Amino acid sequence: MPDSTKPVYLKLRDKIAAAIIEGIYPEGAMLPSVRAFATQQGANPLTVAKAYQQFQLDGLVEVQRGVGMFVARGAAARLRASERDQFLAVEWPVIQQRIKRLGIAPAELLAENS
């Protein structure tokens, strides 16, 4: 799905997921509060809450009432596997078709400064 047509809460979810995968928010780390993240991203707090809720439903964060949300154990590995599967199933076939349509050779793709 092109990023421009993706709902805002999914764009925010993708940013948080990337930060977890990249170790910016490692296992056990507290995520920014909904309000803090909304302010940082220039988003509506309800939209951020929707993104955070999805992480909670997926078991990727743990909520400590009155304290905050923390990255669950194994969240980075689960997110990486999920994103990898999504890339290979949805994005890669489109990229392959474009490579074929443009006549790009595999060696060109592997060259450092193509």
PDB file of N, CA and C in Angstrom:
ATOM      1  N   MET A   1       0.850  -1.175   0.000  1.00  0.00           N
ATOM      2  CA  MET A   1       0.000   0.000   0.000  1.00  0.00           C
ATOM      3  C   MET A   1       0.894   1.236   0.000  1.00  0.00           C
ATOM      4  N   PRO A   2       0.693   2.155  -0.934  1.00  0.00           N
ATOM      5  CA  PRO A   2       1.499   3.370  -0.941  1.00  0.00           C
ATOM      6  C   PRO A   2       1.306   4.142   0.362  1.00  0.00           C
ATOM      7  N   ASP A   3       2.387   4.722   0.851  1.00  0.00           N
ATOM      8  CA  ASP A   3       2.349   5.419   2.129  1.00  0.00           C
ATOM      9  C   ASP A   3       1.346   6.561   2.134  1.00  0.00           C
ATOM     10  N   SER A   4       1.128   7.205   0.985  1.00  0.00           N
ATOM     11  CA  SER A   4       0.232   8.360   0.930  1.00  0.00           C
ATOM     12  C   SER A   4      -1.229   7.971   1.160  1.00  0.00           C
ATOM     13  N   THR A   5      -1.599   6.736   0.914  1.00  0.00           N
ATOM     14  CA  THR A   5      -2.983   6.307   1.109  1.00  0.00           C
ATOM     15  C   THR A   5      -3.184   5.578   2.435  1.00  0.00           C
ATOM     16  N   LYS A   6      -2.124   5.381   3.166  1.00  0.00           N
ATOM     17  CA  LYS A   6      -2.185   4.657   4.427  1.00  0.00           C
ATOM     18  C   LYS A   6      -2.770   5.562   5.522  1.00  0.00           C
ATOM     19  N   PRO A   7      -3.703   5.046   6.341  1.00  0.00           N
ATOM     20  CA  PRO A   7      -4.246   5.857   7.437  1.00  0.00           C
ATOM     21  C   PRO A   7      -3.136   6.323   8.386  1.00  0.00           C
ATOM     22  N   VAL A   8      -3.352   7.481   8.994  1.00  0.00           N
ATOM     23  CA  VAL A   8      -2.339   8.085   9.864  1.00  0.00           C
ATOM     24  C   VAL A   8      -1.960   7.147  11.004  1.00  0.00           C
ATOM     25  N   TYR A   9      -2.929   6.474  11.611  1.00  0.00           N
ATOM     26  CA  TYR A   9      -2.593   5.610  12.740  1.00  0.00           C
ATOM     27  C   TYR A   9      -1.666   4.473  12.314  1.00  0.00           C
ATOM     28  N   LEU A  10      -1.806   4.001  11.060  1.00  0.00           N
ATOM     29  CA  LEU A  10      -0.907   2.954  10.572  1.00  0.00           C
ATOM     30  C   LEU A  10       0.485   3.513  10.280  1.00  0.00           C
ATOM     31  N   LYS A  11       0.561   4.752   9.810  1.00  0.00           N
ATOM     32  CA  LYS A  11       1.867   5.387   9.618  1.00  0.00           C
ATOM     33  C   LYS A  11       2.574   5.532  10.957  1.00  0.00           C
ATOM     34  N   LEU A  12       1.832   5.933  11.976  1.00  0.00           N
ATOM     35  CA  LEU A  12       2.417   6.061  13.318  1.00  0.00           C
ATOM     36  C   LEU A  12       2.825   4.696  13.854  1.00  0.00           C
ATOM     37  N   ARG A  13       1.991   3.689  13.611  1.00  0.00           N
ATOM     38  CA  ARG A  13       2.315   2.329  14.036  1.00  0.00           C
ATOM     39  C   ARG A  13       3.608   1.868  13.383  1.00  0.00           C
ATOM     40  N   ASP A  14       3.769   2.189  12.085  1.00  0.00           N
ATOM     41  CA  ASP A  14       4.984   1.804  11.374  1.00  0.00           C
ATOM     42  C   ASP A  14       6.218   2.492  11.964  1.00  0.00           C
ATOM     43  N   LYS A  15       6.078   3.756  12.364  1.00  0.00           N
ATOM     44  CA  LYS A  15       7.209   4.474  12.972  1.00  0.00           C
ATOM     45  C   LYS A  15       7.614   3.829  14.297  1.00  0.00           C
ATOM     46  N   ILE A  16       6.618   3.484  15.095  1.00  0.00           N
ATOM     47  CA  ILE A  16       6.899   2.857  16.390  1.00  0.00           C
ATOM     48  C   ILE A  16       7.501   1.472  16.169  1.00  0.00           C
ATOM     49  N   ALA A  17       6.942   0.715  15.229  1.00  0.00           N
ATOM     50  CA  ALA A  17       7.463  -0.627  14.927  1.00  0.00           C
ATOM     51  C   ALA A  17       8.916  -0.541  14.481  1.00  0.00           C
ATOM     52  N   ALA A  18       9.226   0.417  13.606  1.00  0.00           N
ATOM     53  CA  ALA A  18      10.610   0.587  13.147  1.00  0.00           C
ATOM     54  C   ALA A  18      11.530   0.916  14.312  1.00  0.00           C
ATOM     55  N   ALA A  19      11.065   1.767  15.220  1.00  0.00           N
ATOM     56  CA  ALA A  19      11.881   2.135  16.385  1.00  0.00           C
ATOM     57  C   ALA A  19      12.123   0.930  17.295  1.00  0.00           C
ATOM     58  N   ILE A  20      11.138   0.057  17.412  1.00  0.00           N
ATOM     59  CA  ILE A  20      11.314  -1.159  18.222  1.00  0.00           C
ATOM     60  C   ILE A  20      12.291  -2.102  17.529  1.00  0.00           C
ATOM     61  N   ILE A  21      12.119  -2.313  16.227  1.00  0.00           N
ATOM     62  CA  ILE A  21      13.010  -3.200  15.470  1.00  0.00           C
ATOM     63  C   ILE A  21      14.447  -2.687  15.509  1.00  0.00           C
ATOM     64  N   GLU A  22      14.624  -1.373  15.387  1.00  0.00           N
ATOM     65  CA  GLU A  22      15.959  -0.770  15.356  1.00  0.00           C
ATOM     66  C   GLU A  22      16.582  -0.645  16.741  1.00  0.00           C
ATOM     67  N   GLY A  23      15.828  -0.987  17.799  1.00  0.00           N
ATOM     68  CA  GLY A  23      16.384  -0.943  19.149  1.00  0.00           C
ATOM     69  C   GLY A  23      16.299   0.415  19.823  1.00  0.00           C
ATOM     70  N   ILE A  24      15.617   1.351  19.209  1.00  0.00           N
ATOM     71  CA  ILE A  24      15.421   2.652  19.855  1.00  0.00           C
ATOM     72  C   ILE A  24      14.573   2.459  21.105  1.00  0.00           C
ATOM     73  N   TYR A  25      13.584   1.568  20.997  1.00  0.00           N
ATOM     74  CA  TYR A  25      12.790   1.133  22.151  1.00  0.00           C
ATOM     75  C   TYR A  25      13.033  -0.358  22.324  1.00  0.00           C
ATOM     76  N   PRO A  26      14.058  -0.738  23.091  1.00  0.00           N
ATOM     77  CA  PRO A  26      14.350  -2.170  23.281  1.00  0.00           C
ATOM     78  C   PRO A  26      13.328  -2.835  24.213  1.00  0.00           C
ATOM     79  N   GLU A  27      13.403  -4.147  24.304  1.00  0.00           N
ATOM     80  CA  GLU A  27      12.519  -4.892  25.199  1.00  0.00           C
ATOM     81  C   GLU A  27      12.582  -4.292  26.592  1.00  0.00           C
ATOM     82  N   GLY A  28      11.420  -4.084  27.180  1.00  0.00           N
ATOM     83  CA  GLY A  28      11.340  -3.543  28.529  1.00  0.00           C
ATOM     84  C   GLY A  28      11.362  -2.024  28.591  1.00  0.00           C
ATOM     85  N   ALA A  29      11.662  -1.368  27.482  1.00  0.00           N
ATOM     86  CA  ALA A  29      11.711   0.098  27.467  1.00  0.00           C
ATOM     87  C   ALA A  29      10.290   0.656  27.461  1.00  0.00           C
ATOM     88  N   MET A  30      10.139   1.797  28.095  1.00  0.00           N
ATOM     89  CA  MET A  30       8.849   2.469  28.123  1.00  0.00           C
ATOM     90  C   MET A  30       8.680   3.296  26.849  1.00  0.00           C
ATOM     91  N   LEU A  31       7.524   3.149  26.216  1.00  0.00           N
ATOM     92  CA  LEU A  31       7.210   3.976  25.060  1.00  0.00           C
ATOM     93  C   LEU A  31       6.826   5.375  25.555  1.00  0.00           C
ATOM     94  N   PRO A  32       6.984   6.385  24.703  1.00  0.00           N
ATOM     95  CA  PRO A  32       6.529   7.717  25.097  1.00  0.00           C
ATOM     96  C   PRO A  32       5.027   7.680  25.382  1.00  0.00           C
ATOM     97  N   SER A  33       4.562   8.561  26.249  1.00  0.00           N
ATOM     98  CA  SER A  33       3.127   8.624  26.517  1.00  0.00           C
ATOM     99  C   SER A  33       2.399   8.978  25.222  1.00  0.00           C
ATOM    100  N   VAL A  34       1.116   8.694  25.202  1.00  0.00           N
ATOM    101  CA  VAL A  34       0.303   9.008  24.029  1.00  0.00           C
ATOM    102  C   VAL A  34       0.412  10.498  23.724  1.00  0.00           C
ATOM    103  N   ARG A  35       0.279  11.323  24.736  1.00  0.00           N
ATOM    104  CA  ARG A  35       0.334  12.777  24.527  1.00  0.00           C
ATOM    105  C   ARG A  35       1.702  13.225  24.031  1.00  0.00           C
ATOM    106  N   ALA A  36       2.752  12.679  24.631  1.00  0.00           N
ATOM    107  CA  ALA A  36       4.112  13.073  24.236  1.00  0.00           C
ATOM    108  C   ALA A  36       4.390  12.684  22.792  1.00  0.00           C
ATOM    109  N   PHE A  37       4.002  11.451  22.418  1.00  0.00           N
ATOM    110  CA  PHE A  37       4.246  10.998  21.048  1.00  0.00           C
ATOM    111  C   PHE A  37       3.394  11.791  20.055  1.00  0.00           C
ATOM    112  N   ALA A  38       2.153  12.102  20.449  1.00  0.00           N
ATOM    113  CA  ALA A  38       1.269  12.892  19.585  1.00  0.00           C
ATOM    114  C   ALA A  38       1.878  14.269  19.335  1.00  0.00           C
ATOM    115  N   THR A  39       2.385  14.890  20.376  1.00  0.00           N
ATOM    116  CA  THR A  39       3.011  16.203  20.238  1.00  0.00           C
ATOM    117  C   THR A  39       4.236  16.109  19.344  1.00  0.00           C
ATOM    118  N   GLN A  40       5.070  15.104  19.583  1.00  0.00           N
ATOM    119  CA  GLN A  40       6.299  14.898  18.802  1.00  0.00           C
ATOM    120  C   GLN A  40       5.996  14.702  17.320  1.00  0.00           C
ATOM    121  N   GLN A  41       4.918  14.000  17.004  1.00  0.00           N
ATOM    122  CA  GLN A  41       4.580  13.663  15.622  1.00  0.00           C
ATOM    123  C   GLN A  41       3.594  14.648  14.990  1.00  0.00           C
ATOM    124  N   GLY A  42       3.082  15.582  15.781  1.00  0.00           N
ATOM    125  CA  GLY A  42       2.086  16.514  15.266  1.00  0.00           C
ATOM    126  C   GLY A  42       0.786  15.809  14.934  1.00  0.00           C
ATOM    127  N   ALA A  43       0.423  14.826  15.746  1.00  0.00           N
ATOM    128  CA  ALA A  43      -0.762  14.006  15.493  1.00  0.00           C
ATOM    129  C   ALA A  43      -1.780  14.188  16.614  1.00  0.00           C
ATOM    130  N   ASN A  44      -2.982  13.754  16.338  1.00  0.00           N
ATOM    131  CA  ASN A  44      -4.044  13.774  17.333  1.00  0.00           C
ATOM    132  C   ASN A  44      -3.778  12.665  18.358  1.00  0.00           C
ATOM    133  N   PRO A  45      -3.899  12.953  19.658  1.00  0.00           N
ATOM    134  CA  PRO A  45      -3.676  11.903  20.668  1.00  0.00           C
ATOM    135  C   PRO A  45      -4.571  10.678  20.479  1.00  0.00           C
ATOM    136  N   LEU A  46      -5.792  10.859  19.989  1.00  0.00           N
ATOM    137  CA  LEU A  46      -6.674   9.709  19.768  1.00  0.00           C
ATOM    138  C   LEU A  46      -6.130   8.796  18.668  1.00  0.00           C
ATOM    139  N   THR A  47      -5.476   9.396  17.681  1.00  0.00           N
ATOM    140  CA  THR A  47      -4.869   8.617  16.596  1.00  0.00           C
ATOM    141  C   THR A  47      -3.690   7.813  17.130  1.00  0.00           C
ATOM    142  N   VAL A  48      -2.875   8.441  17.971  1.00  0.00           N
ATOM    143  CA  VAL A  48      -1.742   7.741  18.588  1.00  0.00           C
ATOM    144  C   VAL A  48      -2.263   6.621  19.487  1.00  0.00           C
ATOM    145  N   ALA A  49      -3.319   6.908  20.244  1.00  0.00           N
ATOM    146  CA  ALA A  49      -3.889   5.888  21.129  1.00  0.00           C
ATOM    147  C   ALA A  49      -4.353   4.673  20.325  1.00  0.00           C
ATOM    148  N   LYS A  50      -4.893   4.903  19.136  1.00  0.00           N
ATOM    149  CA  LYS A  50      -5.329   3.795  18.272  1.00  0.00           C
ATOM    150  C   LYS A  50      -4.136   2.954  17.827  1.00  0.00           C
ATOM    151  N   ALA A  51      -3.026   3.621  17.477  1.00  0.00           N
ATOM    152  CA  ALA A  51      -1.812   2.892  17.086  1.00  0.00           C
ATOM    153  C   ALA A  51      -1.282   2.079  18.268  1.00  0.00           C
ATOM    154  N   TYR A  52      -1.224   2.701  19.445  1.00  0.00           N
ATOM    155  CA  TYR A  52      -0.739   2.007  20.643  1.00  0.00           C
ATOM    156  C   TYR A  52      -1.647   0.838  21.002  1.00  0.00           C
ATOM    157  N   GLN A  53      -2.968   1.034  20.835  1.00  0.00           N
ATOM    158  CA  GLN A  53      -3.905  -0.030  21.167  1.00  0.00           C
ATOM    159  C   GLN A  53      -3.657  -1.275  20.308  1.00  0.00           C
ATOM    160  N   GLN A  54      -3.306  -1.058  19.047  1.00  0.00           N
ATOM    161  CA  GLN A  54      -3.030  -2.195  18.162  1.00  0.00           C
ATOM    162  C   GLN A  54      -1.822  -2.984  18.669  1.00  0.00           C
ATOM    163  N   PHE A  55      -0.794  -2.271  19.144  1.00  0.00           N
ATOM    164  CA  PHE A  55       0.375  -2.959  19.710  1.00  0.00           C
ATOM    165  C   PHE A  55      -0.030  -3.768  20.937  1.00  0.00           C
ATOM    166  N   GLN A  56      -0.910  -3.197  21.736  1.00  0.00           N
ATOM    167  CA  GLN A  56      -1.369  -3.892  22.933  1.00  0.00           C
ATOM    168  C   GLN A  56      -2.155  -5.149  22.553  1.00  0.00           C
ATOM    169  N   LEU A  57      -3.062  -5.027  21.590  1.00  0.00           N
ATOM    170  CA  LEU A  57      -3.853  -6.180  21.139  1.00  0.00           C
ATOM    171  C   LEU A  57      -2.971  -7.280  20.555  1.00  0.00           C
ATOM    172  N   ASP A  58      -1.878  -6.876  19.900  1.00  0.00           N
ATOM    173  CA  ASP A  58      -0.946  -7.837  19.307  1.00  0.00           C
ATOM    174  C   ASP A  58       0.045  -8.408  20.317  1.00  0.00           C
ATOM    175  N   GLY A  59      -0.032  -7.950  21.559  1.00  0.00           N
ATOM    176  CA  GLY A  59       0.865  -8.454  22.605  1.00  0.00           C
ATOM    177  C   GLY A  59       2.295  -7.962  22.468  1.00  0.00           C
ATOM    178  N   LEU A  60       2.477  -6.840  21.786  1.00  0.00           N
ATOM    179  CA  LEU A  60       3.823  -6.303  21.577  1.00  0.00           C
ATOM    180  C   LEU A  60       4.226  -5.303  22.650  1.00  0.00           C
ATOM    181  N   VAL A  61       3.247  -4.818  23.403  1.00  0.00           N
ATOM    182  CA  VAL A  61       3.528  -3.934  24.537  1.00  0.00           C
ATOM    183  C   VAL A  61       2.749  -4.436  25.742  1.00  0.00           C
ATOM    184  N   GLU A  62       3.269  -4.085  26.896  1.00  0.00           N
ATOM    185  CA  GLU A  62       2.603  -4.427  28.152  1.00  0.00           C
ATOM    186  C   GLU A  62       2.268  -3.127  28.853  1.00  0.00           C
ATOM    187  N   VAL A  63       1.055  -3.050  29.377  1.00  0.00           N
ATOM    188  CA  VAL A  63       0.595  -1.835  30.041  1.00  0.00           C
ATOM    189  C   VAL A  63       0.725  -2.002  31.547  1.00  0.00           C
ATOM    190  N   GLN A  64       1.342  -1.027  32.169  1.00  0.00           N
ATOM    191  CA  GLN A  64       1.371  -0.960  33.627  1.00  0.00           C
ATOM    192  C   GLN A  64       0.530   0.254  33.998  1.00  0.00           C
ATOM    193  N   ARG A  65      -0.663  -0.006  34.497  1.00  0.00           N
ATOM    194  CA  ARG A  65      -1.601   1.081  34.793  1.00  0.00           C
ATOM    195  C   ARG A  65      -0.953   2.138  35.684  1.00  0.00           C
ATOM    196  N   GLY A  66      -1.138   3.375  35.265  1.00  0.00           N
ATOM    197  CA  GLY A  66      -0.597   4.496  36.027  1.00  0.00           C
ATOM    198  C   GLY A  66       0.872   4.755  35.771  1.00  0.00           C
ATOM    199  N   VAL A  67       1.523   3.867  35.004  1.00  0.00           N
ATOM    200  CA  VAL A  67       2.953   4.023  34.725  1.00  0.00           C
ATOM    201  C   VAL A  67       3.177   4.278  33.243  1.00  0.00           C
ATOM    202  N   GLY A  68       2.732   3.336  32.398  1.00  0.00           N
ATOM    203  CA  GLY A  68       2.913   3.505  30.960  1.00  0.00           C
ATOM    204  C   GLY A  68       2.928   2.180  30.226  1.00  0.00           C
ATOM    205  N   MET A  69       3.336   2.254  28.955  1.00  0.00           N
ATOM    206  CA  MET A  69       3.428   1.071  28.090  1.00  0.00           C
ATOM    207  C   MET A  69       4.891   0.713  27.892  1.00  0.00           C
ATOM    208  N   PHE A  70       5.164  -0.570  27.969  1.00  0.00           N
ATOM    209  CA  PHE A  70       6.524  -1.062  27.841  1.00  0.00           C
ATOM    210  C   PHE A  70       6.602  -2.093  26.723  1.00  0.00           C
ATOM    211  N   VAL A  71       7.715  -2.105  26.013  1.00  0.00           N
ATOM    212  CA  VAL A  71       7.917  -3.054  24.921  1.00  0.00           C
ATOM    213  C   VAL A  71       8.017  -4.461  25.512  1.00  0.00           C
ATOM    214  N   ALA A  72       7.198  -5.354  24.995  1.00  0.00           N
ATOM    215  CA  ALA A  72       7.152  -6.728  25.496  1.00  0.00           C
ATOM    216  C   ALA A  72       8.370  -7.523  25.033  1.00  0.00           C
ATOM    217  N   ARG A  73       8.675  -8.553  25.783  1.00  0.00           N
ATOM    218  CA  ARG A  73       9.760  -9.462  25.426  1.00  0.00           C
ATOM    219  C   ARG A  73       9.458 -10.115  24.084  1.00  0.00           C
ATOM    220  N   GLY A  74      10.434 -10.112  23.185  1.00  0.00           N
ATOM    221  CA  GLY A  74      10.287 -10.731  21.880  1.00  0.00           C
ATOM    222  C   GLY A  74       9.578  -9.863  20.848  1.00  0.00           C
ATOM    223  N   ALA A  75       9.199  -8.633  21.228  1.00  0.00           N
ATOM    224  CA  ALA A  75       8.452  -7.770  20.302  1.00  0.00           C
ATOM    225  C   ALA A  75       9.252  -7.464  19.040  1.00  0.00           C
ATOM    226  N   ALA A  76      10.533  -7.161  19.185  1.00  0.00           N
ATOM    227  CA  ALA A  76      11.352  -6.803  18.014  1.00  0.00           C
ATOM    228  C   ALA A  76      11.434  -7.978  17.036  1.00  0.00           C
ATOM    229  N   ALA A  77      11.660  -9.171  17.554  1.00  0.00           N
ATOM    230  CA  ALA A  77      11.760 -10.352  16.688  1.00  0.00           C
ATOM    231  C   ALA A  77      10.429 -10.634  15.995  1.00  0.00           C
ATOM    232  N   ARG A  78       9.335 -10.500  16.726  1.00  0.00           N
ATOM    233  CA  ARG A  78       8.011 -10.737  16.126  1.00  0.00           C
ATOM    234  C   ARG A  78       7.697  -9.691  15.066  1.00  0.00           C
ATOM    235  N   LEU A  79       8.014  -8.437  15.354  1.00  0.00           N
ATOM    236  CA  LEU A  79       7.779  -7.374  14.374  1.00  0.00           C
ATOM    237  C   LEU A  79       8.635  -7.569  13.128  1.00  0.00           C
ATOM    238  N   ARG A  80       9.910  -7.911  13.346  1.00  0.00           N
ATOM    239  CA  ARG A  80      10.820  -8.120  12.209  1.00  0.00           C
ATOM    240  C   ARG A  80      10.296  -9.251  11.314  1.00  0.00           C
ATOM    241  N   ALA A  81       9.867 -10.341  11.916  1.00  0.00           N
ATOM    242  CA  ALA A  81       9.346 -11.477  11.148  1.00  0.00           C
ATOM    243  C   ALA A  81       8.072 -11.083  10.396  1.00  0.00           C
ATOM    244  N   SER A  82       7.205 -10.351  11.052  1.00  0.00           N
ATOM    245  CA  SER A  82       5.955  -9.921  10.431  1.00  0.00           C
ATOM    246  C   SER A  82       6.216  -8.964   9.274  1.00  0.00           C
ATOM    247  N   GLU A  83       7.113  -8.007   9.487  1.00  0.00           N
ATOM    248  CA  GLU A  83       7.443  -7.033   8.434  1.00  0.00           C
ATOM    249  C   GLU A  83       8.138  -7.735   7.258  1.00  0.00           C
ATOM    250  N   ARG A  84       8.985  -8.699   7.572  1.00  0.00           N
ATOM    251  CA  ARG A  84       9.683  -9.457   6.521  1.00  0.00           C
ATOM    252  C   ARG A  84       8.673 -10.224   5.676  1.00  0.00           C
ATOM    253  N   ASP A  85       7.740 -10.914   6.341  1.00  0.00           N
ATOM    254  CA  ASP A  85       6.706 -11.666   5.626  1.00  0.00           C
ATOM    255  C   ASP A  85       5.863 -10.742   4.753  1.00  0.00           C
ATOM    256  N   GLN A  86       5.497  -9.591   5.291  1.00  0.00           N
ATOM    257  CA  GLN A  86       4.709  -8.605   4.542  1.00  0.00           C
ATOM    258  C   GLN A  86       5.483  -8.124   3.315  1.00  0.00           C
ATOM    259  N   PHE A  87       6.764  -7.829   3.502  1.00  0.00           N
ATOM    260  CA  PHE A  87       7.592  -7.367   2.384  1.00  0.00           C
ATOM    261  C   PHE A  87       7.661  -8.422   1.287  1.00  0.00           C
ATOM    262  N   LEU A  88       7.956  -9.665   1.678  1.00  0.00           N
ATOM    263  CA  LEU A  88       8.111 -10.730   0.686  1.00  0.00           C
ATOM    264  C   LEU A  88       6.797 -11.073  -0.015  1.00  0.00           C
ATOM    265  N   ALA A  89       5.679 -10.978   0.686  1.00  0.00           N
ATOM    266  CA  ALA A  89       4.396 -11.354   0.102  1.00  0.00           C
ATOM    267  C   ALA A  89       3.746 -10.234  -0.711  1.00  0.00           C
ATOM    268  N   VAL A  90       3.946  -8.990  -0.294  1.00  0.00           N
ATOM    269  CA  VAL A  90       3.218  -7.886  -0.918  1.00  0.00           C
ATOM    270  C   VAL A  90       4.123  -6.937  -1.704  1.00  0.00           C
ATOM    271  N   GLU A  91       5.165  -6.454  -1.065  1.00  0.00           N
ATOM    272  CA  GLU A  91       5.999  -5.428  -1.696  1.00  0.00           C
ATOM    273  C   GLU A  91       6.974  -5.996  -2.728  1.00  0.00           C
ATOM    274  N   TRP A  92       7.637  -7.092  -2.405  1.00  0.00           N
ATOM    275  CA  TRP A  92       8.660  -7.645  -3.294  1.00  0.00           C
ATOM    276  C   TRP A  92       8.112  -8.035  -4.662  1.00  0.00           C
ATOM    277  N   PRO A  93       6.950  -8.696  -4.762  1.00  0.00           N
ATOM    278  CA  PRO A  93       6.436  -9.023  -6.097  1.00  0.00           C
ATOM    279  C   PRO A  93       6.229  -7.778  -6.971  1.00  0.00           C
ATOM    280  N   VAL A  94       5.799  -6.691  -6.386  1.00  0.00           N
ATOM    281  CA  VAL A  94       5.612  -5.441  -7.144  1.00  0.00           C
ATOM    282  C   VAL A  94       6.966  -4.908  -7.612  1.00  0.00           C
ATOM    283  N   ILE A  95       7.952  -4.971  -6.727  1.00  0.00           N
ATOM    284  CA  ILE A  95       9.301  -4.521  -7.082  1.00  0.00           C
ATOM    285  C   ILE A  95       9.868  -5.402  -8.188  1.00  0.00           C
ATOM    286  N   GLN A  96       9.690  -6.718  -8.068  1.00  0.00           N
ATOM    287  CA  GLN A  96      10.173  -7.639  -9.105  1.00  0.00           C
ATOM    288  C   GLN A  96       9.553  -7.332 -10.461  1.00  0.00           C
ATOM    289  N   GLN A  97       8.258  -7.064 -10.478  1.00  0.00           N
ATOM    290  CA  GLN A  97       7.587  -6.733 -11.733  1.00  0.00           C
ATOM    291  C   GLN A  97       8.165  -5.457 -12.334  1.00  0.00           C
ATOM    292  N   ARG A  98       8.436  -4.484 -11.492  1.00  0.00           N
ATOM    293  CA  ARG A  98       8.984  -3.218 -11.996  1.00  0.00           C
ATOM    294  C   ARG A  98      10.399  -3.418 -12.526  1.00  0.00           C
ATOM    295  N   ILE A  99      11.201  -4.202 -11.837  1.00  0.00           N
ATOM    296  CA  ILE A  99      12.565  -4.510 -12.289  1.00  0.00           C
ATOM    297  C   ILE A  99      12.510  -5.169 -13.676  1.00  0.00           C
ATOM    298  N   LYS A 100      11.606  -6.123 -13.807  1.00  0.00           N
ATOM    299  CA  LYS A 100      11.470  -6.827 -15.090  1.00  0.00           C
ATOM    300  C   LYS A 100      11.000  -5.869 -16.182  1.00  0.00           C
ATOM    301  N   ARG A 101      10.010  -5.050 -15.869  1.00  0.00           N
ATOM    302  CA  ARG A 101       9.469  -4.099 -16.845  1.00  0.00           C
ATOM    303  C   ARG A 101      10.524  -3.097 -17.307  1.00  0.00           C
ATOM    304  N   LEU A 102      11.416  -2.695 -16.390  1.00  0.00           N
ATOM    305  CA  LEU A 102      12.452  -1.718 -16.715  1.00  0.00           C
ATOM    306  C   LEU A 102      13.704  -2.360 -17.301  1.00  0.00           C
ATOM    307  N   GLY A 103      13.760  -3.685 -17.331  1.00  0.00           N
ATOM    308  CA  GLY A 103      14.903  -4.381 -17.904  1.00  0.00           C
ATOM    309  C   GLY A 103      16.175  -4.214 -17.086  1.00  0.00           C
ATOM    310  N   ILE A 104      16.035  -4.188 -15.783  1.00  0.00           N
ATOM    311  CA  ILE A 104      17.205  -4.036 -14.919  1.00  0.00           C
ATOM    312  C   ILE A 104      17.796  -5.422 -14.636  1.00  0.00           C
ATOM    313  N   ALA A 105      19.083  -5.562 -14.881  1.00  0.00           N
ATOM    314  CA  ALA A 105      19.770  -6.831 -14.651  1.00  0.00           C
ATOM    315  C   ALA A 105      20.105  -6.979 -13.163  1.00  0.00           C
ATOM    316  N   PRO A 106      20.111  -8.214 -12.650  1.00  0.00           N
ATOM    317  CA  PRO A 106      20.471  -8.440 -11.243  1.00  0.00           C
ATOM    318  C   PRO A 106      21.829  -7.817 -10.872  1.00  0.00           C
ATOM    319  N   ALA A 107      22.785  -7.872 -11.779  1.00  0.00           N
ATOM    320  CA  ALA A 107      24.105  -7.294 -11.489  1.00  0.00           C
ATOM    321  C   ALA A 107      24.001  -5.792 -11.238  1.00  0.00           C
ATOM    322  N   GLU A 108      23.092  -5.130 -11.940  1.00  0.00           N
ATOM    323  CA  GLU A 108      22.897  -3.691 -11.720  1.00  0.00           C
ATOM    324  C   GLU A 108      22.363  -3.409 -10.328  1.00  0.00           C
ATOM    325  N   LEU A 109      21.510  -4.284  -9.856  1.00  0.00           N
ATOM    326  CA  LEU A 109      20.940  -4.115  -8.516  1.00  0.00           C
ATOM    327  C   LEU A 109      21.985  -4.303  -7.433  1.00  0.00           C
ATOM    328  N   LEU A 110      22.929  -5.202  -7.698  1.00  0.00           N
ATOM    329  CA  LEU A 110      23.949  -5.518  -6.695  1.00  0.00           C
ATOM    330  C   LEU A 110      25.140  -4.573  -6.745  1.00  0.00           C
ATOM    331  N   ALA A 111      25.265  -3.798  -7.813  1.00  0.00           N
ATOM    332  CA  ALA A 111      26.384  -2.844  -7.927  1.00  0.00           C
ATOM    333  C   ALA A 111      26.218  -1.771  -6.854  1.00  0.00           C
ATOM    334  N   GLU A 112      27.325  -1.368  -6.238  1.00  0.00           N
ATOM    335  CA  GLU A 112      27.262  -0.406  -5.141  1.00  0.00           C
ATOM    336  C   GLU A 112      26.762   0.957  -5.559  1.00  0.00           C
ATOM    337  N   ASN A 113      27.199   1.457  -6.678  1.00  0.00           N
ATOM    338  CA  ASN A 113      26.817   2.800  -7.117  1.00  0.00           C
ATOM    339  C   ASN A 113      26.051   2.765  -8.426  1.00  0.00           C
ATOM    340  N   SER A 114      24.907   2.081  -8.419  1.00  0.00           N
ATOM    341  CA  SER A 114      24.157   1.993  -9.677  1.00  0.00           C
ATOM    342  C   SER A 114      23.493   3.301 -10.009  1.00  0.00           C
TER     343      SER A 114
END
